[in-house]
C-alpha atoms as a PDB file:
ATOM      1  CA  MET A   1       0.020  -0.021  -0.023  1.00  0.00           C
ATOM      2  CA  SER A   2       1.350   3.428  -0.866  1.00  0.00           C
ATOM      3  CA  ALA A   3       2.117   6.014   1.818  1.00  0.00           C
ATOM      4  CA  PRO A   4      -0.843   8.224   2.922  1.00  0.00           C
ATOM      5  CA  LEU A   5      -1.190  11.512   1.041  1.00  0.00           C
ATOM      6  CA  ALA A   6      -1.639  13.442   4.280  1.00  0.00           C
ATOM      7  CA  ASN A   7      -2.794  13.081   7.903  1.00  0.00           C
ATOM      8  CA  VAL A   8      -6.220  14.490   8.582  1.00  0.00           C
ATOM      9  CA  GLY A   9      -8.149  14.979  11.773  1.00  0.00           C
ATOM     10  CA  ILE A  10     -11.941  15.288  11.687  1.00  0.00           C
ATOM     11  CA  LEU A  11     -13.860  16.903  14.510  1.00  0.00           C
ATOM     12  CA  SER A  12     -17.420  15.724  14.049  1.00  0.00           C
ATOM     13  CA  ILE A  13     -20.092  13.650  15.674  1.00  0.00           C
ATOM     14  CA  GLY A  14     -22.522  13.353  12.741  1.00  0.00           C
ATOM     15  CA  SER A  15     -23.191  11.479   9.530  1.00  0.00           C
ATOM     16  CA  MET A  16     -21.508  14.289   7.498  1.00  0.00           C
ATOM     17  CA  GLY A  17     -18.254  13.748   9.324  1.00  0.00           C
ATOM     18  CA  LEU A  18     -18.488   9.997   8.976  1.00  0.00           C
ATOM     19  CA  GLY A  19     -19.157  10.232   5.334  1.00  0.00           C
ATOM     20  CA  ILE A  20     -16.191  12.592   4.701  1.00  0.00           C
ATOM     21  CA  ALA A  21     -13.964  10.262   6.804  1.00  0.00           C
ATOM     22  CA  ASN A  22     -14.957   7.329   4.622  1.00  0.00           C
ATOM     23  CA  LEU A  23     -14.340   9.426   1.473  1.00  0.00           C
ATOM     24  CA  LEU A  24     -10.860  10.497   2.585  1.00  0.00           C
ATOM     25  CA  GLN A  25      -9.865   6.992   3.746  1.00  0.00           C
ATOM     26  CA  ALA A  26     -10.923   5.638   0.306  1.00  0.00           C
ATOM     27  CA  HIS A  27      -8.603   8.164  -1.286  1.00  0.00           C
ATOM     28  CA  ASN A  28      -5.516   7.250   0.734  1.00  0.00           C
ATOM     29  CA  TYR A  29      -5.686   9.851   3.573  1.00  0.00           C
ATOM     30  CA  ARG A  30      -4.912   8.683   7.095  1.00  0.00           C
ATOM     31  CA  LEU A  31      -7.107   9.845   9.996  1.00  0.00           C
ATOM     32  CA  VAL A  32      -4.991  10.477  13.004  1.00  0.00           C
ATOM     33  CA  PRO A  33      -4.889  12.939  16.001  1.00  0.00           C
ATOM     34  CA  GLN A  34      -1.516  14.469  14.916  1.00  0.00           C
ATOM     35  CA  CYS A  35      -2.312  15.791  11.524  1.00  0.00           C
ATOM     36  CA  ASP A  36      -1.645  18.137   8.616  1.00  0.00           C
ATOM     37  CA  TYR A  37      -5.296  19.205   8.281  1.00  0.00           C
ATOM     38  CA  ILE A  38      -8.140  19.534  10.735  1.00  0.00           C
ATOM     39  CA  LEU A  39     -11.757  19.450   9.515  1.00  0.00           C
ATOM     40  CA  SER A  40     -14.272  20.983  11.864  1.00  0.00           C
ATOM     41  CA  ILE A  41     -17.787  19.697  11.144  1.00  0.00           C
ATOM     42  CA  VAL A  42     -19.735  20.474  14.296  1.00  0.00           C
ATOM     43  CA  PRO A  43     -23.083  22.118  15.154  1.00  0.00           C
ATOM     44  CA  PRO A  44     -22.973  25.917  14.777  1.00  0.00           C
ATOM     45  CA  ARG A  45     -23.267  26.351  18.534  1.00  0.00           C
ATOM     46  CA  ASP A  46     -20.019  24.382  18.976  1.00  0.00           C
ATOM     47  CA  ALA A  47     -17.872  26.016  16.350  1.00  0.00           C
ATOM     48  CA  VAL A  48     -16.297  28.698  18.606  1.00  0.00           C
ATOM     49  CA  VAL A  49     -15.563  26.365  21.566  1.00  0.00           C
ATOM     50  CA  THR A  50     -14.142  23.760  19.187  1.00  0.00           C
ATOM     51  CA  ALA A  51     -11.686  26.392  17.780  1.00  0.00           C
ATOM     52  CA  SER A  52     -10.837  27.369  21.301  1.00  0.00           C
ATOM     53  CA  ARG A  53      -9.989  23.776  22.193  1.00  0.00           C
ATOM     54  CA  ILE A  54      -7.688  23.563  19.238  1.00  0.00           C
ATOM     55  CA  ILE A  55      -5.873  26.769  20.320  1.00  0.00           C
ATOM     56  CA  SER A  56      -5.478  25.411  23.859  1.00  0.00           C
ATOM     57  CA  ALA A  57      -4.014  22.109  22.487  1.00  0.00           C
ATOM     58  CA  LEU A  58      -1.596  23.826  20.115  1.00  0.00           C
ATOM     59  CA  ASN A  59      -0.342  26.163  22.905  1.00  0.00           C
ATOM     60  CA  SER A  60       0.125  23.368  25.391  1.00  0.00           C
ATOM     61  CA  SER A  61       3.504  22.124  26.513  1.00  0.00           C
ATOM     62  CA  PRO A  62       5.141  20.057  25.168  1.00  0.00           C
ATOM     63  CA  ALA A  63       3.881  21.208  21.730  1.00  0.00           C
ATOM     64  CA  PRO A  64       1.729  18.526  20.057  1.00  0.00           C
ATOM     65  CA  ARG A  65       3.417  19.058  16.703  1.00  0.00           C
ATOM     66  CA  PRO A  66       6.768  20.472  15.545  1.00  0.00           C
ATOM     67  CA  THR A  67       6.784  24.267  15.356  1.00  0.00           C
ATOM     68  CA  SER A  68       9.125  24.181  12.350  1.00  0.00           C
ATOM     69  CA  GLY A  69       7.919  22.788   9.062  1.00  0.00           C
ATOM     70  CA  HIS A  70       4.628  23.098   7.240  1.00  0.00           C
ATOM     71  CA  PRO A  71       1.676  24.881   8.915  1.00  0.00           C
ATOM     72  CA  LEU A  72      -1.423  23.187  10.208  1.00  0.00           C
ATOM     73  CA  TYR A  73      -4.592  23.888   8.127  1.00  0.00           C
ATOM     74  CA  PHE A  74      -7.907  24.218   9.945  1.00  0.00           C
ATOM     75  CA  LEU A  75     -10.997  23.896   7.698  1.00  0.00           C
ATOM     76  CA  GLY A  76     -13.995  25.395   9.373  1.00  0.00           C
ATOM     77  CA  LEU A  77     -16.891  23.594   7.584  1.00  0.00           C
ATOM     78  CA  ASN A  78     -19.547  24.543  10.141  1.00  0.00           C
ATOM     79  CA  ALA A  79     -22.808  26.264   9.215  1.00  0.00           C
ATOM     80  CA  ILE A  80     -21.938  29.541  10.888  1.00  0.00           C
ATOM     81  CA  SER A  81     -22.449  33.159  10.055  1.00  0.00           C
ATOM     82  CA  PRO A  82     -19.749  35.236   8.254  1.00  0.00           C
ATOM     83  CA  SER A  83     -19.166  37.297  11.388  1.00  0.00           C
ATOM     84  CA  THR A  84     -18.531  34.127  13.476  1.00  0.00           C
ATOM     85  CA  ALA A  85     -16.144  32.854  10.904  1.00  0.00           C
ATOM     86  CA  ARG A  86     -14.223  36.192  11.005  1.00  0.00           C
ATOM     87  CA  ALA A  87     -14.158  36.100  14.793  1.00  0.00           C
ATOM     88  CA  ILE A  88     -12.724  32.560  14.797  1.00  0.00           C
ATOM     89  CA  ASN A  89     -10.057  33.570  12.259  1.00  0.00           C
ATOM     90  CA  ALA A  90      -9.131  36.620  14.295  1.00  0.00           C
ATOM     91  CA  THR A  91      -8.639  34.497  17.416  1.00  0.00           C
ATOM     92  CA  PHE A  92      -6.476  32.013  15.530  1.00  0.00           C
ATOM     93  CA  GLU A  93      -4.334  34.804  14.059  1.00  0.00           C
ATOM     94  CA  SER A  94      -3.735  36.332  17.515  1.00  0.00           C
ATOM     95  CA  GLN A  95      -3.188  33.139  19.493  1.00  0.00           C
ATOM     96  CA  THR A  96      -1.861  30.575  16.976  1.00  0.00           C
ATOM     97  CA  PRO A  97      -0.356  32.610  14.064  1.00  0.00           C
ATOM     98  CA  ALA A  98       1.197  29.481  12.534  1.00  0.00           C
ATOM     99  CA  LEU A  99      -2.206  27.938  11.870  1.00  0.00           C
ATOM    100  CA  ARG A 100      -3.933  28.532   8.521  1.00  0.00           C
ATOM    101  CA  PHE A 101      -7.683  28.988   8.768  1.00  0.00           C
ATOM    102  CA  VAL A 102      -9.885  28.087   5.795  1.00  0.00           C
ATOM    103  CA  ASP A 103     -13.488  29.288   5.817  1.00  0.00           C
ATOM    104  CA  GLY A 104     -15.951  26.879   4.363  1.00  0.00           C
ATOM    105  CA  GLY A 105     -19.382  25.282   4.304  1.00  0.00           C
ATOM    106  CA  ILE A 106     -20.936  21.996   3.086  1.00  0.00           C
ATOM    107  CA  ILE A 107     -23.833  22.128   0.591  1.00  0.00           C
ATOM    108  CA  GLY A 108     -25.534  18.789   0.041  1.00  0.00           C
ATOM    109  CA  GLY A 109     -25.715  15.414   1.803  1.00  0.00           C
ATOM    110  CA  PRO A 110     -22.930  13.259   3.254  1.00  0.00           C
ATOM    111  CA  PRO A 111     -20.528  11.560   0.776  1.00  0.00           C
ATOM    112  CA  SER A 112     -21.661   8.129  -0.257  1.00  0.00           C
ATOM    113  CA  LEU A 113     -20.302   5.377  -2.455  1.00  0.00           C
ATOM    114  CA  ALA A 114     -22.543   4.729  -5.408  1.00  0.00           C
ATOM    115  CA  SER A 115     -23.183   1.300  -6.937  1.00  0.00           C
ATOM    116  CA  ASP A 116     -20.809   2.100  -9.839  1.00  0.00           C
ATOM    117  CA  SER A 117     -18.024   2.626  -7.282  1.00  0.00           C
ATOM    118  CA  THR A 118     -17.958   6.410  -7.800  1.00  0.00           C
ATOM    119  CA  TRP A 119     -18.426   8.840  -4.888  1.00  0.00           C
ATOM    120  CA  LYS A 120     -21.437  11.164  -4.637  1.00  0.00           C
ATOM    121  CA  ARG A 121     -20.036  14.218  -2.789  1.00  0.00           C
ATOM    122  CA  PRO A 122     -21.444  17.447  -1.403  1.00  0.00           C
ATOM    123  CA  GLY A 123     -20.132  20.711  -2.642  1.00  0.00           C
ATOM    124  CA  ILE A 124     -17.768  22.644  -0.357  1.00  0.00           C
ATOM    125  CA  PRO A 125     -17.195  26.295  -1.062  1.00  0.00           C
ATOM    126  CA  ILE A 126     -14.137  27.689   0.696  1.00  0.00           C
ATOM    127  CA  SER A 127     -12.701  31.144   1.099  1.00  0.00           C
ATOM    128  CA  GLY A 128      -9.928  33.137   2.889  1.00  0.00           C
ATOM    129  CA  PRO A 129      -6.322  34.140   2.100  1.00  0.00           C
ATOM    130  CA  HIS A 130      -5.009  30.601   2.422  1.00  0.00           C
ATOM    131  CA  ALA A 131      -6.123  28.588  -0.609  1.00  0.00           C
ATOM    132  CA  LEU A 132      -6.345  24.852   0.191  1.00  0.00           C
ATOM    133  CA  THR A 133      -4.813  24.075  -3.241  1.00  0.00           C
ATOM    134  CA  ALA A 134      -1.648  25.805  -2.201  1.00  0.00           C
ATOM    135  CA  ALA A 135      -1.236  23.815   0.986  1.00  0.00           C
ATOM    136  CA  PRO A 136       2.171  21.994   0.957  1.00  0.00           C
ATOM    137  CA  VAL A 137       0.986  18.479   1.844  1.00  0.00           C
ATOM    138  CA  ASN A 138      -1.079  17.378  -1.241  1.00  0.00           C
ATOM    139  CA  GLY A 139      -3.372  20.385  -0.801  1.00  0.00           C
ATOM    140  CA  LYS A 140      -4.618  20.292  -4.405  1.00  0.00           C
ATOM    141  CA  HIS A 141      -5.420  16.651  -4.210  1.00  0.00           C
ATOM    142  CA  LEU A 142      -7.373  17.119  -0.967  1.00  0.00           C
ATOM    143  CA  ALA A 143      -9.218  20.054  -2.364  1.00  0.00           C
ATOM    144  CA  ASP A 144     -10.304  17.938  -5.334  1.00  0.00           C
ATOM    145  CA  THR A 145     -11.198  14.925  -3.212  1.00  0.00           C
ATOM    146  CA  LEU A 146     -13.410  17.009  -1.017  1.00  0.00           C
ATOM    147  CA  ASN A 147     -15.064  18.692  -4.049  1.00  0.00           C
ATOM    148  CA  THR A 148     -14.152  22.169  -2.882  1.00  0.00           C
ATOM    149  CA  GLU A 149     -14.433  25.443  -4.803  1.00  0.00           C
ATOM    150  CA  TYR A 150     -12.390  28.492  -3.914  1.00  0.00           C
ATOM    151  CA  VAL A 151     -14.891  31.320  -4.080  1.00  0.00           C
ATOM    152  CA  SER A 152     -13.173  34.323  -2.502  1.00  0.00           C
ATOM    153  CA  PRO A 153     -10.005  35.441  -0.614  1.00  0.00           C
ATOM    154  CA  THR A 154     -12.248  36.886   2.053  1.00  0.00           C
ATOM    155  CA  ILE A 155     -13.001  35.084   5.383  1.00  0.00           C
ATOM    156  CA  GLY A 156     -16.745  34.772   5.794  1.00  0.00           C
ATOM    157  CA  SER A 157     -17.684  34.557   2.069  1.00  0.00           C
ATOM    158  CA  ALA A 158     -17.955  30.773   1.980  1.00  0.00           C
ATOM    159  CA  SER A 159     -19.858  30.600   5.273  1.00  0.00           C
ATOM    160  CA  GLY A 160     -22.261  33.341   4.002  1.00  0.00           C
ATOM    161  CA  LEU A 161     -22.778  31.417   0.718  1.00  0.00           C
ATOM    162  CA  LYS A 162     -23.652  28.255   2.656  1.00  0.00           C
ATOM    163  CA  CYS A 163     -26.098  30.097   4.991  1.00  0.00           C
ATOM    164  CA  CYS A 164     -27.821  31.915   2.075  1.00  0.00           C
ATOM    165  CA  PHE A 165     -28.157  28.661   0.083  1.00  0.00           C
ATOM    166  CA  ALA A 166     -29.701  26.941   3.074  1.00  0.00           C
ATOM    167  CA  SER A 167     -32.099  29.886   3.696  1.00  0.00           C
ATOM    168  CA  ILE A 168     -33.286  29.803   0.041  1.00  0.00           C
ATOM    169  CA  ASN A 169     -33.503  26.030  -0.199  1.00  0.00           C
ATOM    170  CA  LYS A 170     -35.371  25.541   3.094  1.00  0.00           C
ATOM    171  CA  GLY A 171     -37.419  28.738   2.726  1.00  0.00           C
ATOM    172  CA  ILE A 172     -38.740  27.727  -0.666  1.00  0.00           C
ATOM    173  CA  ALA A 173     -39.613  24.252   0.553  1.00  0.00           C
ATOM    174  CA  ALA A 174     -41.506  25.687   3.530  1.00  0.00           C
ATOM    175  CA  LEU A 175     -43.487  28.109   1.364  1.00  0.00           C
ATOM    176  CA  ALA A 176     -44.335  25.434  -1.129  1.00  0.00           C
ATOM    177  CA  LEU A 177     -45.477  23.031   1.630  1.00  0.00           C
ATOM    178  CA  GLN A 178     -47.782  25.704   3.138  1.00  0.00           C
ATOM    179  CA  SER A 179     -49.198  26.693  -0.257  1.00  0.00           C
ATOM    180  CA  PHE A 180     -49.916  23.057  -1.295  1.00  0.00           C
ATOM    181  CA  SER A 181     -51.415  22.291   2.113  1.00  0.00           C
ATOM    182  CA  THR A 182     -53.712  25.379   1.795  1.00  0.00           C
ATOM    183  CA  VAL A 183     -54.981  24.577  -1.752  1.00  0.00           C
ATOM    184  CA  SER A 184     -55.484  20.947  -0.685  1.00  0.00           C
ATOM    185  CA  SER A 185     -57.677  22.085   2.219  1.00  0.00           C
ATOM    186  CA  LEU A 186     -59.642  24.236  -0.182  1.00  0.00           C
ATOM    187  CA  GLU A 187     -60.085  21.182  -2.386  1.00  0.00           C
ATOM    188  CA  VAL A 188     -58.566  22.907  -5.422  1.00  0.00           C
ATOM    189  CA  LEU A 189     -55.230  21.063  -5.551  1.00  0.00           C
ATOM    190  CA  PRO A 190     -55.769  19.631  -9.040  1.00  0.00           C
ATOM    191  CA  HIS A 191     -56.405  23.133 -10.367  1.00  0.00           C
ATOM    192  CA  MET A 192     -53.273  24.380  -8.668  1.00  0.00           C
ATOM    193  CA  GLN A 193     -51.209  21.616 -10.308  1.00  0.00           C
ATOM    194  CA  LYS A 194     -52.715  22.374 -13.711  1.00  0.00           C
ATOM    195  CA  TYR A 195     -51.843  26.073 -13.489  1.00  0.00           C
ATOM    196  CA  LEU A 196     -48.311  25.233 -12.233  1.00  0.00           C
ATOM    197  CA  GLU A 197     -47.769  22.822 -15.071  1.00  0.00           C
ATOM    198  CA  GLU A 198     -48.896  25.437 -17.570  1.00  0.00           C
ATOM    199  CA  TYR A 199     -47.308  28.627 -16.191  1.00  0.00           C
ATOM    200  CA  SER A 200     -44.541  27.420 -13.839  1.00  0.00           C
ATOM    201  CA  PRO A 201     -43.610  23.857 -14.730  1.00  0.00           C
ATOM    202  CA  ALA A 202     -40.333  23.889 -12.821  1.00  0.00           C
ATOM    203  CA  VAL A 203     -42.234  24.298  -9.500  1.00  0.00           C
ATOM    204  CA  GLU A 204     -44.650  21.454 -10.376  1.00  0.00           C
ATOM    205  CA  HIS A 205     -41.837  19.093 -11.276  1.00  0.00           C
ATOM    206  CA  GLN A 206     -40.010  19.915  -8.045  1.00  0.00           C
ATOM    207  CA  HIS A 207     -43.279  19.208  -6.129  1.00  0.00           C
ATOM    208  CA  HIS A 208     -43.587  15.849  -7.913  1.00  0.00           C
ATOM    209  CA  ASP A 209     -39.961  14.921  -7.124  1.00  0.00           C
ATOM    210  CA  GLN A 210     -40.538  15.729  -3.478  1.00  0.00           C
ATOM    211  CA  HIS A 211     -43.570  13.385  -3.329  1.00  0.00           C
ATOM    212  CA  LEU A 212     -41.559  10.685  -4.949  1.00  0.00           C
ATOM    213  CA  ARG A 213     -38.753  11.101  -2.320  1.00  0.00           C
ATOM    214  CA  ARG A 214     -41.336  11.133   0.463  1.00  0.00           C
ATOM    215  CA  ASP A 215     -42.963   7.972  -0.769  1.00  0.00           C
ATOM    216  CA  ARG A 216     -39.572   6.284  -1.192  1.00  0.00           C
ATOM    217  CA  ASP A 217     -38.497   7.226   2.294  1.00  0.00           C
ATOM    218  CA  HIS A 218     -41.848   5.950   3.669  1.00  0.00           C
ATOM    219  CA  ASP A 219     -41.377   2.613   1.851  1.00  0.00           C
ATOM    220  CA  HIS A 220     -37.898   2.261   3.345  1.00  0.00           C
ATOM    221  CA  LEU A 221     -39.252   2.978   6.839  1.00  0.00           C
ATOM    222  CA  VAL A 222     -42.009   0.439   6.465  1.00  0.00           C
ATOM    223  CA  LEU A 223     -39.514  -2.137   5.156  1.00  0.00           C
ATOM    224  CA  HIS A 224     -37.100  -1.465   8.038  1.00  0.00           C
ATOM    225  CA  GLN A 225     -39.781  -1.779  10.618  1.00  0.00           C
ATOM    226  CA  GLY A 226     -41.025  -5.008   9.076  1.00  0.00           C
ATOM    227  CA  LEU A 227     -37.578  -6.473   9.303  1.00  0.00           C
ATOM    228  CA  ARG A 228     -37.047  -5.563  12.960  1.00  0.00           C
END
């Protein structure tokens, strides 16, 4: 087996972190505590305290990693506001200047291996002055493996993009659900569907796809319960 491309630490307790861990291991990255990259994928409320723990660990004695050599990259992939991302970066710069903070967000579901042995991966916009592709330990390969896109040299841009995408995506779904529920209670749902198909077919097709996904998930749940 060839040598690992880099050592990566993942701070996460959820399915997204597990999926990314599986993706990286499948692409010859080693997951270890002493690493070249740290990926923070935690709930928004834990982002600041997680960064603080990293600072405490790096400033402990003896030092957990050599002070000379390549810098440690910290990828903040939490769903946080741009202001929080900038605050975390400012704290890193003042207390651990050797660390390179990369602002980011995850758009889509956890990575998964498809039946044709290819990986379905979420999109990861990243931003900040330290481009991941320029990282010295196979940074470009890691950036490609994670399906990242460098969107701006400004800290907070990637976090803001992630938050705005989630707001639009979830907001539209909520409005559509309320609208369809209302017309259904008024017993004019077929007429609504007819008008959507004629004047706004994209919305109607999205509604149809949501129904298919809901029915599929329901069938999976029934099957799972039946096998218990």
